[in-house]
Amino acid sequence: MPERRPGRLLFITWQVLPSGRQGRGSVEATFIFSRHEWVDFHAWLAVIAVVLLVIHIALHWSWIVATTKRLRQRI
């Protein structure tokens, strides 16, 4: 069984989403966007994913109904 290294996950989390200390003289690592912009970006992607899911289900609704009826008949 491989050895677990919890410090590695902590390091990766810090590198990807650094907390930063604005106004205290430290430099914030940003990786294209600031931390708050990444949170907004993530939220908008979630909204888009939900909208696409609803569209997908709406487009395939007749298949879902037909398959459900067929499966109910087997039971």
C-alpha atoms as a PDB file:
ATOM      1  CA  MET A   1       0.000   0.000   0.000  1.00  0.00           C
ATOM      2  CA  PRO A   2       1.467   3.411  -0.955  1.00  0.00           C
ATOM      3  CA  GLU A   3       2.536   5.785   1.771  1.00  0.00           C
ATOM      4  CA  ARG A   4       0.156   8.688   2.368  1.00  0.00           C
ATOM      5  CA  ARG A   5       1.527  12.201   2.368  1.00  0.00           C
ATOM      6  CA  PRO A   6      -1.082  14.670   3.647  1.00  0.00           C
ATOM      7  CA  GLY A   7       1.364  17.539   3.250  1.00  0.00           C
ATOM      8  CA  ARG A   8       1.327  17.121  -0.522  1.00  0.00           C
ATOM      9  CA  LEU A   9      -2.425  17.818  -0.749  1.00  0.00           C
ATOM     10  CA  LEU A  10      -2.024  20.833   1.489  1.00  0.00           C
ATOM     11  CA  PHE A  11       0.795  22.140  -0.724  1.00  0.00           C
ATOM     12  CA  ILE A  12      -1.237  21.609  -3.910  1.00  0.00           C
ATOM     13  CA  THR A  13      -4.264  23.356  -2.388  1.00  0.00           C
ATOM     14  CA  TRP A  14      -2.097  26.280  -1.356  1.00  0.00           C
ATOM     15  CA  GLN A  15      -0.542  26.513  -4.816  1.00  0.00           C
ATOM     16  CA  VAL A  16      -3.847  26.415  -6.671  1.00  0.00           C
ATOM     17  CA  LEU A  17      -5.957  28.550  -4.317  1.00  0.00           C
ATOM     18  CA  PRO A  18      -3.640  30.672  -2.191  1.00  0.00           C
ATOM     19  CA  SER A  19      -5.308  32.720   0.503  1.00  0.00           C
ATOM     20  CA  GLY A  20      -2.978  35.714   0.248  1.00  0.00           C
ATOM     21  CA  ARG A  21      -2.774  38.609   2.684  1.00  0.00           C
ATOM     22  CA  GLN A  22      -3.747  41.757   0.903  1.00  0.00           C
ATOM     23  CA  GLY A  23      -2.492  44.908   2.520  1.00  0.00           C
ATOM     24  CA  ARG A  24       0.178  43.233   4.660  1.00  0.00           C
ATOM     25  CA  GLY A  25       3.007  43.397   2.163  1.00  0.00           C
ATOM     26  CA  SER A  26       2.893  39.793   0.967  1.00  0.00           C
ATOM     27  CA  VAL A  27       2.519  38.852  -2.664  1.00  0.00           C
ATOM     28  CA  GLU A  28      -0.579  36.942  -3.757  1.00  0.00           C
ATOM     29  CA  ALA A  29      -0.068  34.169  -6.288  1.00  0.00           C
ATOM     30  CA  THR A  30      -2.910  34.457  -8.801  1.00  0.00           C
ATOM     31  CA  PHE A  31      -2.600  31.965 -11.689  1.00  0.00           C
ATOM     32  CA  ILE A  32      -4.413  34.104 -14.301  1.00  0.00           C
ATOM     33  CA  PHE A  33      -7.227  35.204 -11.949  1.00  0.00           C
ATOM     34  CA  SER A  34      -7.457  36.145  -8.298  1.00  0.00           C
ATOM     35  CA  ARG A  35      -8.966  33.696  -5.817  1.00  0.00           C
ATOM     36  CA  HIS A  36     -12.323  35.506  -5.842  1.00  0.00           C
ATOM     37  CA  GLU A  37     -12.424  35.557  -9.644  1.00  0.00           C
ATOM     38  CA  TRP A  38     -11.849  31.768  -9.628  1.00  0.00           C
ATOM     39  CA  VAL A  39     -14.776  31.344  -7.233  1.00  0.00           C
ATOM     40  CA  ASP A  40     -17.004  33.429  -9.523  1.00  0.00           C
ATOM     41  CA  PHE A  41     -15.770  31.499 -12.566  1.00  0.00           C
ATOM     42  CA  HIS A  42     -16.527  28.198 -10.815  1.00  0.00           C
ATOM     43  CA  ALA A  43     -20.024  29.378  -9.860  1.00  0.00           C
ATOM     44  CA  TRP A  44     -20.818  30.440 -13.433  1.00  0.00           C
ATOM     45  CA  LEU A  45     -19.558  27.122 -14.776  1.00  0.00           C
ATOM     46  CA  ALA A  46     -21.888  25.361 -12.345  1.00  0.00           C
ATOM     47  CA  VAL A  47     -24.837  27.444 -13.577  1.00  0.00           C
ATOM     48  CA  ILE A  48     -23.949  26.668 -17.199  1.00  0.00           C
ATOM     49  CA  ALA A  49     -23.644  22.946 -16.402  1.00  0.00           C
ATOM     50  CA  VAL A  50     -27.097  22.902 -14.771  1.00  0.00           C
ATOM     51  CA  VAL A  51     -28.649  24.752 -17.739  1.00  0.00           C
ATOM     52  CA  LEU A  52     -27.041  22.303 -20.175  1.00  0.00           C
ATOM     53  CA  LEU A  53     -28.302  19.379 -18.082  1.00  0.00           C
ATOM     54  CA  VAL A  54     -31.858  20.718 -18.162  1.00  0.00           C
ATOM     55  CA  ILE A  55     -31.638  21.240 -21.944  1.00  0.00           C
ATOM     56  CA  HIS A  56     -30.248  17.729 -22.379  1.00  0.00           C
ATOM     57  CA  ILE A  57     -33.072  16.188 -20.353  1.00  0.00           C
ATOM     58  CA  ALA A  58     -35.680  18.271 -22.221  1.00  0.00           C
ATOM     59  CA  LEU A  59     -34.322  17.144 -25.602  1.00  0.00           C
ATOM     60  CA  HIS A  60     -34.391  13.486 -24.555  1.00  0.00           C
ATOM     61  CA  TRP A  61     -37.638  13.580 -22.556  1.00  0.00           C
ATOM     62  CA  SER A  62     -39.559  11.329 -24.976  1.00  0.00           C
ATOM     63  CA  TRP A  63     -36.815   8.697 -24.752  1.00  0.00           C
ATOM     64  CA  ILE A  64     -36.844   8.909 -20.935  1.00  0.00           C
ATOM     65  CA  VAL A  65     -40.639   8.450 -20.833  1.00  0.00           C
ATOM     66  CA  ALA A  66     -40.597   5.557 -23.330  1.00  0.00           C
ATOM     67  CA  THR A  67     -37.759   3.769 -21.530  1.00  0.00           C
ATOM     68  CA  THR A  68     -39.438   4.224 -18.151  1.00  0.00           C
ATOM     69  CA  LYS A  69     -42.701   2.762 -19.483  1.00  0.00           C
ATOM     70  CA  ARG A  70     -40.847  -0.185 -21.007  1.00  0.00           C
ATOM     71  CA  LEU A  71     -38.981  -0.894 -17.767  1.00  0.00           C
ATOM     72  CA  ARG A  72     -42.201  -0.675 -15.720  1.00  0.00           C
ATOM     73  CA  GLN A  73     -43.842  -3.254 -17.970  1.00  0.00           C
ATOM     74  CA  ARG A  74     -41.024  -5.713 -17.270  1.00  0.00           C
ATOM     75  CA  ILE A  75     -41.528  -5.509 -13.505  1.00  0.00           C
END
